[in-house]
Amino acid sequence: MYTTSGVLRTIELILGLPPMSQYDAAATPMYNAFQATPVATPFVHIAPRVPIDEKNLPTAWGADASLRMDFSEPDRAPERELTEIIWRSMRGPAALVPPPVRSGFVRRADADDNDR
């Protein structure tokens, strides 16, 4: 399974660009999603099994709070609150929201490292 960072890393490799962050630098490129020769068979449409035009009702859990959030630019909405709204609207109002998982890459500085 690939991540968004893996997709970004693959695009960077195709275009010959350096990684933009530590996350895409460490991501696994999508090597196995491609092959040396293309397959030219036409795409066959599969009809969706769920309605794709449904929208959340105004009475959905967290609808009033999400209406007050700023979605004008990325990362303006409060991450934790938005995650809770999405989680509980899908899993039910009493569902426990899992804690966020954060990670980072740490490099130990050598004694002769001048970049401190």
Foldseek 3Di string as FASTA:
>chain_A
DADPLQDVLQVCVVVVHDDPDPSNVPGHHPPVVDDDDDDPDDDDDDDDPDDPPDDDDCPAQCNVVVVPFDPVDPPRGDPVSVQLSVVCSVVNVPDDRDDDDDDDDDDDDDPPDPPD
